[in-house]
Amino acid sequence: MTRNRRPSPQTVAVLAALAAEPSAWRYGYELGQEVGLKAGSLYPILMRLCDRGLLDAAWETDPPPGRPPRHLYRLTDSGRQHAEETALAPEPPRPAPLRPRSAW
């Protein structure tokens, strides 16, 4: 089953940040700083994008001494296409809020 709804604004921001340099490997902390998301919001987005085949993920191979390797992310070819389509797609109109019925 495919989902046709527009991604959340947070997911769109992550895709846009990655699409700015689509072939560059980026690490989560840097992305979170750039798009203004904390780890509790960012990493679930990154995991969903990886699960859907839109991101490649890899461990850093040569971390600086004394620091553990970081997990790196970059868009796949289909992720680049999805990011482009998402950026071009108009945001759907939001339904008007429901007004409470007045009591008779």
PDB file of N, CA and C in Angstrom:
ATOM      1  N   MET A   1       0.840  -1.171   0.000  1.00  0.00           N
ATOM      2  CA  MET A   1       0.000   0.000   0.000  1.00  0.00           C
ATOM      3  C   MET A   1       0.893   1.245   0.000  1.00  0.00           C
ATOM      4  N   THR A   2       0.639   2.166  -0.867  1.00  0.00           N
ATOM      5  CA  THR A   2       1.412   3.395  -0.907  1.00  0.00           C
ATOM      6  C   THR A   2       0.629   4.511  -0.246  1.00  0.00           C
ATOM      7  N   ARG A   3       1.356   5.418   0.345  1.00  0.00           N
ATOM      8  CA  ARG A   3       0.741   6.552   1.007  1.00  0.00           C
ATOM      9  C   ARG A   3       0.853   7.756   0.103  1.00  0.00           C
ATOM     10  N   ASN A   4      -0.242   8.455  -0.053  1.00  0.00           N
ATOM     11  CA  ASN A   4      -0.245   9.601  -0.943  1.00  0.00           C
ATOM     12  C   ASN A   4      -0.319  10.918  -0.202  1.00  0.00           C
ATOM     13  N   ARG A   5      -0.310  10.881   1.116  1.00  0.00           N
ATOM     14  CA  ARG A   5      -0.396  12.148   1.831  1.00  0.00           C
ATOM     15  C   ARG A   5       0.957  12.838   1.852  1.00  0.00           C
ATOM     16  N   ARG A   6       0.906  14.135   1.987  1.00  0.00           N
ATOM     17  CA  ARG A   6       2.125  14.945   2.011  1.00  0.00           C
ATOM     18  C   ARG A   6       2.892  14.682   3.310  1.00  0.00           C
ATOM     19  N   PRO A   7       4.222  14.606   3.236  1.00  0.00           N
ATOM     20  CA  PRO A   7       5.006  14.408   4.453  1.00  0.00           C
ATOM     21  C   PRO A   7       4.847  15.595   5.409  1.00  0.00           C
ATOM     22  N   SER A   8       5.153  15.362   6.664  1.00  0.00           N
ATOM     23  CA  SER A   8       5.072  16.413   7.670  1.00  0.00           C
ATOM     24  C   SER A   8       6.037  17.549   7.321  1.00  0.00           C
ATOM     25  N   PRO A   9       5.792  18.745   7.840  1.00  0.00           N
ATOM     26  CA  PRO A   9       6.731  19.853   7.601  1.00  0.00           C
ATOM     27  C   PRO A   9       8.147  19.522   8.074  1.00  0.00           C
ATOM     28  N   GLN A  10       8.258  18.740   9.140  1.00  0.00           N
ATOM     29  CA  GLN A  10       9.586  18.356   9.647  1.00  0.00           C
ATOM     30  C   GLN A  10      10.293  17.438   8.653  1.00  0.00           C
ATOM     31  N   THR A  11       9.557  16.492   8.077  1.00  0.00           N
ATOM     32  CA  THR A  11      10.145  15.591   7.086  1.00  0.00           C
ATOM     33  C   THR A  11      10.533  16.364   5.832  1.00  0.00           C
ATOM     34  N   VAL A  12       9.691  17.297   5.423  1.00  0.00           N
ATOM     35  CA  VAL A  12      10.010  18.132   4.256  1.00  0.00           C
ATOM     36  C   VAL A  12      11.296  18.915   4.521  1.00  0.00           C
ATOM     37  N   ALA A  13      11.462  19.443   5.727  1.00  0.00           N
ATOM     38  CA  ALA A  13      12.670  20.204   6.065  1.00  0.00           C
ATOM     39  C   ALA A  13      13.911  19.318   6.008  1.00  0.00           C
ATOM     40  N   VAL A  14      13.808  18.091   6.503  1.00  0.00           N
ATOM     41  CA  VAL A  14      14.945  17.158   6.461  1.00  0.00           C
ATOM     42  C   VAL A  14      15.280  16.815   5.009  1.00  0.00           C
ATOM     43  N   LEU A  15      14.265  16.516   4.208  1.00  0.00           N
ATOM     44  CA  LEU A  15      14.502  16.217   2.793  1.00  0.00           C
ATOM     45  C   LEU A  15      15.153  17.401   2.079  1.00  0.00           C
ATOM     46  N   ALA A  16      14.680  18.605   2.359  1.00  0.00           N
ATOM     47  CA  ALA A  16      15.243  19.799   1.710  1.00  0.00           C
ATOM     48  C   ALA A  16      16.702  19.993   2.108  1.00  0.00           C
ATOM     49  N   ALA A  17      17.012  19.782   3.384  1.00  0.00           N
ATOM     50  CA  ALA A  17      18.397  19.938   3.842  1.00  0.00           C
ATOM     51  C   ALA A  17      19.304  18.923   3.165  1.00  0.00           C
ATOM     52  N   LEU A  18      18.847  17.684   3.057  1.00  0.00           N
ATOM     53  CA  LEU A  18      19.646  16.654   2.387  1.00  0.00           C
ATOM     54  C   LEU A  18      19.749  16.910   0.886  1.00  0.00           C
ATOM     55  N   ALA A  19      18.690  17.446   0.285  1.00  0.00           N
ATOM     56  CA  ALA A  19      18.684  17.698  -1.159  1.00  0.00           C
ATOM     57  C   ALA A  19      19.586  18.863  -1.552  1.00  0.00           C
ATOM     58  N   ALA A  20      19.935  19.727  -0.599  1.00  0.00           N
ATOM     59  CA  ALA A  20      20.828  20.845  -0.909  1.00  0.00           C
ATOM     60  C   ALA A  20      22.186  20.346  -1.392  1.00  0.00           C
ATOM     61  N   GLU A  21      22.638  19.219  -0.856  1.00  0.00           N
ATOM     62  CA  GLU A  21      23.869  18.553  -1.294  1.00  0.00           C
ATOM     63  C   GLU A  21      23.582  17.059  -1.337  1.00  0.00           C
ATOM     64  N   PRO A  22      22.881  16.600  -2.364  1.00  0.00           N
ATOM     65  CA  PRO A  22      22.365  15.227  -2.346  1.00  0.00           C
ATOM     66  C   PRO A  22      23.410  14.121  -2.302  1.00  0.00           C
ATOM     67  N   SER A  23      24.609  14.357  -2.767  1.00  0.00           N
ATOM     68  CA  SER A  23      25.608  13.289  -2.741  1.00  0.00           C
ATOM     69  C   SER A  23      26.481  13.333  -1.488  1.00  0.00           C
ATOM     70  N   ALA A  24      26.307  14.364  -0.661  1.00  0.00           N
ATOM     71  CA  ALA A  24      27.120  14.504   0.555  1.00  0.00           C
ATOM     72  C   ALA A  24      26.536  13.667   1.687  1.00  0.00           C
ATOM     73  N   TRP A  25      27.412  13.000   2.423  1.00  0.00           N
ATOM     74  CA  TRP A  25      26.993  12.274   3.622  1.00  0.00           C
ATOM     75  C   TRP A  25      26.836  13.293   4.750  1.00  0.00           C
ATOM     76  N   ARG A  26      25.726  13.219   5.471  1.00  0.00           N
ATOM     77  CA  ARG A  26      25.447  14.145   6.573  1.00  0.00           C
ATOM     78  C   ARG A  26      25.179  13.339   7.834  1.00  0.00           C
ATOM     79  N   TYR A  27      25.539  13.879   8.987  1.00  0.00           N
ATOM     80  CA  TYR A  27      25.228  13.161  10.215  1.00  0.00           C
ATOM     81  C   TYR A  27      24.074  13.844  10.932  1.00  0.00           C
ATOM     82  N   GLY A  28      23.392  13.054  11.763  1.00  0.00           N
ATOM     83  CA  GLY A  28      22.149  13.481  12.371  1.00  0.00           C
ATOM     84  C   GLY A  28      22.226  14.765  13.161  1.00  0.00           C
ATOM     85  N   TYR A  29      23.245  14.914  13.999  1.00  0.00           N
ATOM     86  CA  TYR A  29      23.334  16.113  14.828  1.00  0.00           C
ATOM     87  C   TYR A  29      23.378  17.367  13.961  1.00  0.00           C
ATOM     88  N   GLU A  30      24.176  17.321  12.913  1.00  0.00           N
ATOM     89  CA  GLU A  30      24.286  18.448  11.982  1.00  0.00           C
ATOM     90  C   GLU A  30      22.933  18.752  11.329  1.00  0.00           C
ATOM     91  N   LEU A  31      22.235  17.722  10.887  1.00  0.00           N
ATOM     92  CA  LEU A  31      20.914  17.916  10.274  1.00  0.00           C
ATOM     93  C   LEU A  31      19.928  18.508  11.274  1.00  0.00           C
ATOM     94  N   GLY A  32      19.952  17.985  12.494  1.00  0.00           N
ATOM     95  CA  GLY A  32      19.056  18.494  13.528  1.00  0.00           C
ATOM     96  C   GLY A  32      19.288  19.961  13.806  1.00  0.00           C
ATOM     97  N   GLN A  33      20.546  20.369  13.859  1.00  0.00           N
ATOM     98  CA  GLN A  33      20.871  21.779  14.061  1.00  0.00           C
ATOM     99  C   GLN A  33      20.360  22.627  12.909  1.00  0.00           C
ATOM    100  N   GLU A  34      20.547  22.139  11.699  1.00  0.00           N
ATOM    101  CA  GLU A  34      20.150  22.895  10.511  1.00  0.00           C
ATOM    102  C   GLU A  34      18.638  23.089  10.406  1.00  0.00           C
ATOM    103  N   VAL A  35      17.890  22.057  10.709  1.00  0.00           N
ATOM    104  CA  VAL A  35      16.437  22.135  10.528  1.00  0.00           C
ATOM    105  C   VAL A  35      15.682  22.426  11.823  1.00  0.00           C
ATOM    106  N   GLY A  36      16.401  22.530  12.933  1.00  0.00           N
ATOM    107  CA  GLY A  36      15.766  22.882  14.197  1.00  0.00           C
ATOM    108  C   GLY A  36      14.963  21.758  14.825  1.00  0.00           C
ATOM    109  N   LEU A  37      15.435  20.519  14.664  1.00  0.00           N
ATOM    110  CA  LEU A  37      14.748  19.380  15.273  1.00  0.00           C
ATOM    111  C   LEU A  37      15.636  18.724  16.318  1.00  0.00           C
ATOM    112  N   LYS A  38      15.014  18.293  17.393  1.00  0.00           N
ATOM    113  CA  LYS A  38      15.739  17.540  18.414  1.00  0.00           C
ATOM    114  C   LYS A  38      15.777  16.071  18.010  1.00  0.00           C
ATOM    115  N   ALA A  39      16.655  15.330  18.659  1.00  0.00           N
ATOM    116  CA  ALA A  39      16.880  13.929  18.309  1.00  0.00           C
ATOM    117  C   ALA A  39      15.600  13.105  18.338  1.00  0.00           C
ATOM    118  N   GLY A  40      14.710  13.350  19.293  1.00  0.00           N
ATOM    119  CA  GLY A  40      13.479  12.573  19.416  1.00  0.00           C
ATOM    120  C   GLY A  40      12.538  12.731  18.233  1.00  0.00           C
ATOM    121  N   SER A  41      12.675  13.818  17.496  1.00  0.00           N
ATOM    122  CA  SER A  41      11.875  14.020  16.281  1.00  0.00           C
ATOM    123  C   SER A  41      12.667  13.633  15.035  1.00  0.00           C
ATOM    124  N   LEU A  42      13.951  13.981  15.024  1.00  0.00           N
ATOM    125  CA  LEU A  42      14.779  13.782  13.837  1.00  0.00           C
ATOM    126  C   LEU A  42      15.029  12.314  13.514  1.00  0.00           C
ATOM    127  N   TYR A  43      15.479  11.532  14.504  1.00  0.00           N
ATOM    128  CA  TYR A  43      15.897  10.163  14.198  1.00  0.00           C
ATOM    129  C   TYR A  43      14.750   9.265  13.746  1.00  0.00           C
ATOM    130  N   PRO A  44      13.533   9.403  14.283  1.00  0.00           N
ATOM    131  CA  PRO A  44      12.432   8.624  13.699  1.00  0.00           C
ATOM    132  C   PRO A  44      12.174   8.982  12.233  1.00  0.00           C
ATOM    133  N   ILE A  45      12.318  10.254  11.879  1.00  0.00           N
ATOM    134  CA  ILE A  45      12.162  10.666  10.480  1.00  0.00           C
ATOM    135  C   ILE A  45      13.242  10.011   9.629  1.00  0.00           C
ATOM    136  N   LEU A  46      14.481  10.069  10.079  1.00  0.00           N
ATOM    137  CA  LEU A  46      15.578   9.456   9.318  1.00  0.00           C
ATOM    138  C   LEU A  46      15.375   7.951   9.170  1.00  0.00           C
ATOM    139  N   MET A  47      14.914   7.296  10.227  1.00  0.00           N
ATOM    140  CA  MET A  47      14.689   5.846  10.156  1.00  0.00           C
ATOM    141  C   MET A  47      13.567   5.514   9.174  1.00  0.00           C
ATOM    142  N   ARG A  48      12.482   6.300   9.178  1.00  0.00           N
ATOM    143  CA  ARG A  48      11.392   6.057   8.217  1.00  0.00           C
ATOM    144  C   ARG A  48      11.878   6.260   6.784  1.00  0.00           C
ATOM    145  N   LEU A  49      12.650   7.315   6.556  1.00  0.00           N
ATOM    146  CA  LEU A  49      13.165   7.568   5.207  1.00  0.00           C
ATOM    147  C   LEU A  49      14.094   6.443   4.753  1.00  0.00           C
ATOM    148  N   CYS A  50      14.896   5.910   5.677  1.00  0.00           N
ATOM    149  CA  CYS A  50      15.762   4.764   5.345  1.00  0.00           C
ATOM    150  C   CYS A  50      14.917   3.539   5.034  1.00  0.00           C
ATOM    151  N   ASP A  51      13.904   3.275   5.864  1.00  0.00           N
ATOM    152  CA  ASP A  51      13.044   2.113   5.657  1.00  0.00           C
ATOM    153  C   ASP A  51      12.330   2.167   4.312  1.00  0.00           C
ATOM    154  N   ARG A  52      12.034   3.356   3.831  1.00  0.00           N
ATOM    155  CA  ARG A  52      11.333   3.529   2.556  1.00  0.00           C
ATOM    156  C   ARG A  52      12.289   3.596   1.365  1.00  0.00           C
ATOM    157  N   GLY A  53      13.592   3.420   1.630  1.00  0.00           N
ATOM    158  CA  GLY A  53      14.569   3.414   0.541  1.00  0.00           C
ATOM    159  C   GLY A  53      14.914   4.789   0.013  1.00  0.00           C
ATOM    160  N   LEU A  54      14.604   5.831   0.776  1.00  0.00           N
ATOM    161  CA  LEU A  54      14.882   7.194   0.328  1.00  0.00           C
ATOM    162  C   LEU A  54      16.231   7.707   0.821  1.00  0.00           C
ATOM    163  N   LEU A  55      16.797   7.036   1.821  1.00  0.00           N
ATOM    164  CA  LEU A  55      18.109   7.412   2.355  1.00  0.00           C
ATOM    165  C   LEU A  55      19.019   6.204   2.400  1.00  0.00           C
ATOM    166  N   ASP A  56      20.300   6.452   2.165  1.00  0.00           N
ATOM    167  CA  ASP A  56      21.353   5.495   2.480  1.00  0.00           C
ATOM    168  C   ASP A  56      21.867   5.868   3.861  1.00  0.00           C
ATOM    169  N   ALA A  57      22.253   4.877   4.641  1.00  0.00           N
ATOM    170  CA  ALA A  57      22.833   5.124   5.959  1.00  0.00           C
ATOM    171  C   ALA A  57      24.108   4.299   6.078  1.00  0.00           C
ATOM    172  N   ALA A  58      25.108   4.874   6.711  1.00  0.00           N
ATOM    173  CA  ALA A  58      26.386   4.182   6.902  1.00  0.00           C
ATOM    174  C   ALA A  58      27.061   4.729   8.151  1.00  0.00           C
ATOM    175  N   TRP A  59      27.948   3.939   8.705  1.00  0.00           N
ATOM    176  CA  TRP A  59      28.737   4.409   9.840  1.00  0.00           C
ATOM    177  C   TRP A  59      29.976   5.137   9.329  1.00  0.00           C
ATOM    178  N   GLU A  60      30.358   6.175  10.001  1.00  0.00           N
ATOM    179  CA  GLU A  60      31.585   6.919   9.704  1.00  0.00           C
ATOM    180  C   GLU A  60      32.758   5.954   9.820  1.00  0.00           C
ATOM    181  N   THR A  61      33.649   5.957   8.827  1.00  0.00           N
ATOM    182  CA  THR A  61      34.751   4.984   8.818  1.00  0.00           C
ATOM    183  C   THR A  61      36.014   5.475   9.496  1.00  0.00           C
ATOM    184  N   ASP A  62      36.191   6.787   9.607  1.00  0.00           N
ATOM    185  CA  ASP A  62      37.429   7.300  10.181  1.00  0.00           C
ATOM    186  C   ASP A  62      37.132   8.454  11.143  1.00  0.00           C
ATOM    187  N   PRO A  63      36.524   8.143  12.317  1.00  0.00           N
ATOM    188  CA  PRO A  63      36.203   9.227  13.247  1.00  0.00           C
ATOM    189  C   PRO A  63      37.456   9.811  13.880  1.00  0.00           C
ATOM    190  N   PRO A  64      37.398  11.050  14.322  1.00  0.00           N
ATOM    191  CA  PRO A  64      38.539  11.628  15.033  1.00  0.00           C
ATOM    192  C   PRO A  64      38.848  10.817  16.294  1.00  0.00           C
ATOM    193  N   PRO A  65      40.109  10.822  16.720  1.00  0.00           N
ATOM    194  CA  PRO A  65      40.483  10.055  17.917  1.00  0.00           C
ATOM    195  C   PRO A  65      39.641  10.478  19.132  1.00  0.00           C
ATOM    196  N   GLY A  66      39.228   9.479  19.903  1.00  0.00           N
ATOM    197  CA  GLY A  66      38.483   9.743  21.122  1.00  0.00           C
ATOM    198  C   GLY A  66      36.995   9.957  20.924  1.00  0.00           C
ATOM    199  N   ARG A  67      36.511   9.846  19.695  1.00  0.00           N
ATOM    200  CA  ARG A  67      35.090  10.044  19.446  1.00  0.00           C
ATOM    201  C   ARG A  67      34.550   8.817  18.726  1.00  0.00           C
ATOM    202  N   PRO A  68      33.384   8.319  19.133  1.00  0.00           N
ATOM    203  CA  PRO A  68      32.840   7.142  18.450  1.00  0.00           C
ATOM    204  C   PRO A  68      32.380   7.492  17.037  1.00  0.00           C
ATOM    205  N   PRO A  69      32.261   6.490  16.162  1.00  0.00           N
ATOM    206  CA  PRO A  69      31.776   6.748  14.801  1.00  0.00           C
ATOM    207  C   PRO A  69      30.335   7.253  14.824  1.00  0.00           C
ATOM    208  N   ARG A  70      30.033   8.119  13.874  1.00  0.00           N
ATOM    209  CA  ARG A  70      28.679   8.660  13.747  1.00  0.00           C
ATOM    210  C   ARG A  70      27.966   7.952  12.606  1.00  0.00           C
ATOM    211  N   HIS A  71      26.652   7.946  12.695  1.00  0.00           N
ATOM    212  CA  HIS A  71      25.821   7.405  11.623  1.00  0.00           C
ATOM    213  C   HIS A  71      25.628   8.512  10.596  1.00  0.00           C
ATOM    214  N   LEU A  72      25.879   8.212   9.336  1.00  0.00           N
ATOM    215  CA  LEU A  72      25.792   9.190   8.255  1.00  0.00           C
ATOM    216  C   LEU A  72      24.622   8.856   7.331  1.00  0.00           C
ATOM    217  N   TYR A  73      24.056   9.891   6.724  1.00  0.00           N
ATOM    218  CA  TYR A  73      22.891   9.738   5.857  1.00  0.00           C
ATOM    219  C   TYR A  73      23.076  10.538   4.573  1.00  0.00           C
ATOM    220  N   ARG A  74      22.515  10.013   3.481  1.00  0.00           N
ATOM    221  CA  ARG A  74      22.419  10.777   2.233  1.00  0.00           C
ATOM    222  C   ARG A  74      21.251  10.224   1.427  1.00  0.00           C
ATOM    223  N   LEU A  75      20.749  11.036   0.533  1.00  0.00           N
ATOM    224  CA  LEU A  75      19.613  10.631  -0.290  1.00  0.00           C
ATOM    225  C   LEU A  75      20.020   9.576  -1.309  1.00  0.00           C
ATOM    226  N   THR A  76      19.143   8.614  -1.529  1.00  0.00           N
ATOM    227  CA  THR A  76      19.301   7.676  -2.643  1.00  0.00           C
ATOM    228  C   THR A  76      18.782   8.377  -3.898  1.00  0.00           C
ATOM    229  N   ASP A  77      18.901   7.737  -5.036  1.00  0.00           N
ATOM    230  CA  ASP A  77      18.349   8.322  -6.264  1.00  0.00           C
ATOM    231  C   ASP A  77      16.840   8.531  -6.128  1.00  0.00           C
ATOM    232  N   SER A  78      16.146   7.533  -5.584  1.00  0.00           N
ATOM    233  CA  SER A  78      14.696   7.704  -5.410  1.00  0.00           C
ATOM    234  C   SER A  78      14.409   8.752  -4.342  1.00  0.00           C
ATOM    235  N   GLY A  79      15.288   8.897  -3.362  1.00  0.00           N
ATOM    236  CA  GLY A  79      15.136   9.944  -2.355  1.00  0.00           C
ATOM    237  C   GLY A  79      15.297  11.329  -2.948  1.00  0.00           C
ATOM    238  N   ARG A  80      16.217  11.464  -3.884  1.00  0.00           N
ATOM    239  CA  ARG A  80      16.394  12.754  -4.574  1.00  0.00           C
ATOM    240  C   ARG A  80      15.141  13.108  -5.359  1.00  0.00           C
ATOM    241  N   GLN A  81      14.600  12.129  -6.053  1.00  0.00           N
ATOM    242  CA  GLN A  81      13.386  12.353  -6.836  1.00  0.00           C
ATOM    243  C   GLN A  81      12.226  12.708  -5.899  1.00  0.00           C
ATOM    244  N   HIS A  82      12.101  11.989  -4.798  1.00  0.00           N
ATOM    245  CA  HIS A  82      11.026  12.254  -3.843  1.00  0.00           C
ATOM    246  C   HIS A  82      11.173  13.652  -3.235  1.00  0.00           C
ATOM    247  N   ALA A  83      12.403  14.044  -2.894  1.00  0.00           N
ATOM    248  CA  ALA A  83      12.636  15.379  -2.325  1.00  0.00           C
ATOM    249  C   ALA A  83      12.246  16.458  -3.329  1.00  0.00           C
ATOM    250  N   GLU A  84      12.578  16.240  -4.587  1.00  0.00           N
ATOM    251  CA  GLU A  84      12.229  17.207  -5.631  1.00  0.00           C
ATOM    252  C   GLU A  84      10.713  17.300  -5.806  1.00  0.00           C
ATOM    253  N   GLU A  85      10.058  16.153  -5.853  1.00  0.00           N
ATOM    254  CA  GLU A  85       8.600  16.140  -5.999  1.00  0.00           C
ATOM    255  C   GLU A  85       7.914  16.788  -4.802  1.00  0.00           C
ATOM    256  N   THR A  86       8.433  16.529  -3.616  1.00  0.00           N
ATOM    257  CA  THR A  86       7.856  17.099  -2.401  1.00  0.00           C
ATOM    258  C   THR A  86       8.015  18.610  -2.392  1.00  0.00           C
ATOM    259  N   ALA A  87       9.165  19.086  -2.838  1.00  0.00           N
ATOM    260  CA  ALA A  87       9.398  20.533  -2.854  1.00  0.00           C
ATOM    261  C   ALA A  87       8.489  21.227  -3.855  1.00  0.00           C
ATOM    262  N   LEU A  88       8.167  20.551  -4.956  1.00  0.00           N
ATOM    263  CA  LEU A  88       7.342  21.152  -5.997  1.00  0.00           C
ATOM    264  C   LEU A  88       5.843  21.013  -5.746  1.00  0.00           C
ATOM    265  N   ALA A  89       5.458  20.034  -4.927  1.00  0.00           N
ATOM    266  CA  ALA A  89       4.034  19.773  -4.698  1.00  0.00           C
ATOM    267  C   ALA A  89       3.412  20.874  -3.852  1.00  0.00           C
ATOM    268  N   PRO A  90       2.276  21.384  -4.284  1.00  0.00           N
ATOM    269  CA  PRO A  90       1.614  22.391  -3.464  1.00  0.00           C
ATOM    270  C   PRO A  90       1.079  21.756  -2.191  1.00  0.00           C
ATOM    271  N   GLU A  91       1.083  22.527  -1.130  1.00  0.00           N
ATOM    272  CA  GLU A  91       0.534  22.024   0.124  1.00  0.00           C
ATOM    273  C   GLU A  91      -0.981  21.992  -0.001  1.00  0.00           C
ATOM    274  N   PRO A  92      -1.604  20.879   0.365  1.00  0.00           N
ATOM    275  CA  PRO A  92      -3.058  20.793   0.233  1.00  0.00           C
ATOM    276  C   PRO A  92      -3.746  21.763   1.193  1.00  0.00           C
ATOM    277  N   PRO A  93      -4.917  22.252   0.803  1.00  0.00           N
ATOM    278  CA  PRO A  93      -5.624  23.158   1.700  1.00  0.00           C
ATOM    279  C   PRO A  93      -6.062  22.426   2.961  1.00  0.00           C
ATOM    280  N   ARG A  94      -6.042  23.146   4.054  1.00  0.00           N
ATOM    281  CA  ARG A  94      -6.469  22.552   5.313  1.00  0.00           C
ATOM    282  C   ARG A  94      -7.965  22.769   5.480  1.00  0.00           C
ATOM    283  N   PRO A  95      -8.652  21.779   6.007  1.00  0.00           N
ATOM    284  CA  PRO A  95     -10.083  21.960   6.213  1.00  0.00           C
ATOM    285  C   PRO A  95     -10.344  23.003   7.279  1.00  0.00           C
ATOM    286  N   ALA A  96     -11.462  23.680   7.151  1.00  0.00           N
ATOM    287  CA  ALA A  96     -11.838  24.692   8.138  1.00  0.00           C
ATOM    288  C   ALA A  96     -12.080  24.001   9.480  1.00  0.00           C
ATOM    289  N   PRO A  97     -11.697  24.655  10.573  1.00  0.00           N
ATOM    290  CA  PRO A  97     -11.931  24.024  11.880  1.00  0.00           C
ATOM    291  C   PRO A  97     -13.435  23.902  12.143  1.00  0.00           C
ATOM    292  N   LEU A  98     -13.771  22.854  12.837  1.00  0.00           N
ATOM    293  CA  LEU A  98     -15.171  22.630  13.172  1.00  0.00           C
ATOM    294  C   LEU A  98     -15.609  23.621  14.247  1.00  0.00           C
ATOM    295  N   ARG A  99     -16.756  24.196  14.057  1.00  0.00           N
ATOM    296  CA  ARG A  99     -17.290  25.106  15.065  1.00  0.00           C
ATOM    297  C   ARG A  99     -18.285  24.341  15.923  1.00  0.00           C
ATOM    298  N   PRO A 100     -18.241  24.579  17.205  1.00  0.00           N
ATOM    299  CA  PRO A 100     -19.201  23.871  18.074  1.00  0.00           C
ATOM    300  C   PRO A 100     -20.621  24.319  17.763  1.00  0.00           C
ATOM    301  N   ARG A 101     -21.527  23.386  17.856  1.00  0.00           N
ATOM    302  CA  ARG A 101     -22.931  23.717  17.654  1.00  0.00           C
ATOM    303  C   ARG A 101     -23.447  24.509  18.846  1.00  0.00           C
ATOM    304  N   SER A 102     -24.240  25.484  18.568  1.00  0.00           N
ATOM    305  CA  SER A 102     -24.802  26.242  19.670  1.00  0.00           C
ATOM    306  C   SER A 102     -25.930  25.441  20.316  1.00  0.00           C
ATOM    307  N   ALA A 103     -26.013  25.560  21.596  1.00  0.00           N
ATOM    308  CA  ALA A 103     -27.078  24.853  22.339  1.00  0.00           C
ATOM    309  C   ALA A 103     -28.402  25.563  22.123  1.00  0.00           C
ATOM    310  N   TRP A 104     -29.471  24.820  21.910  1.00  0.00           N
ATOM    311  CA  TRP A 104     -30.786  25.425  21.701  1.00  0.00           C
ATOM    312  C   TRP A 104     -31.495  25.530  22.978  1.00  0.00           C
TER     313      TRP A 104
END
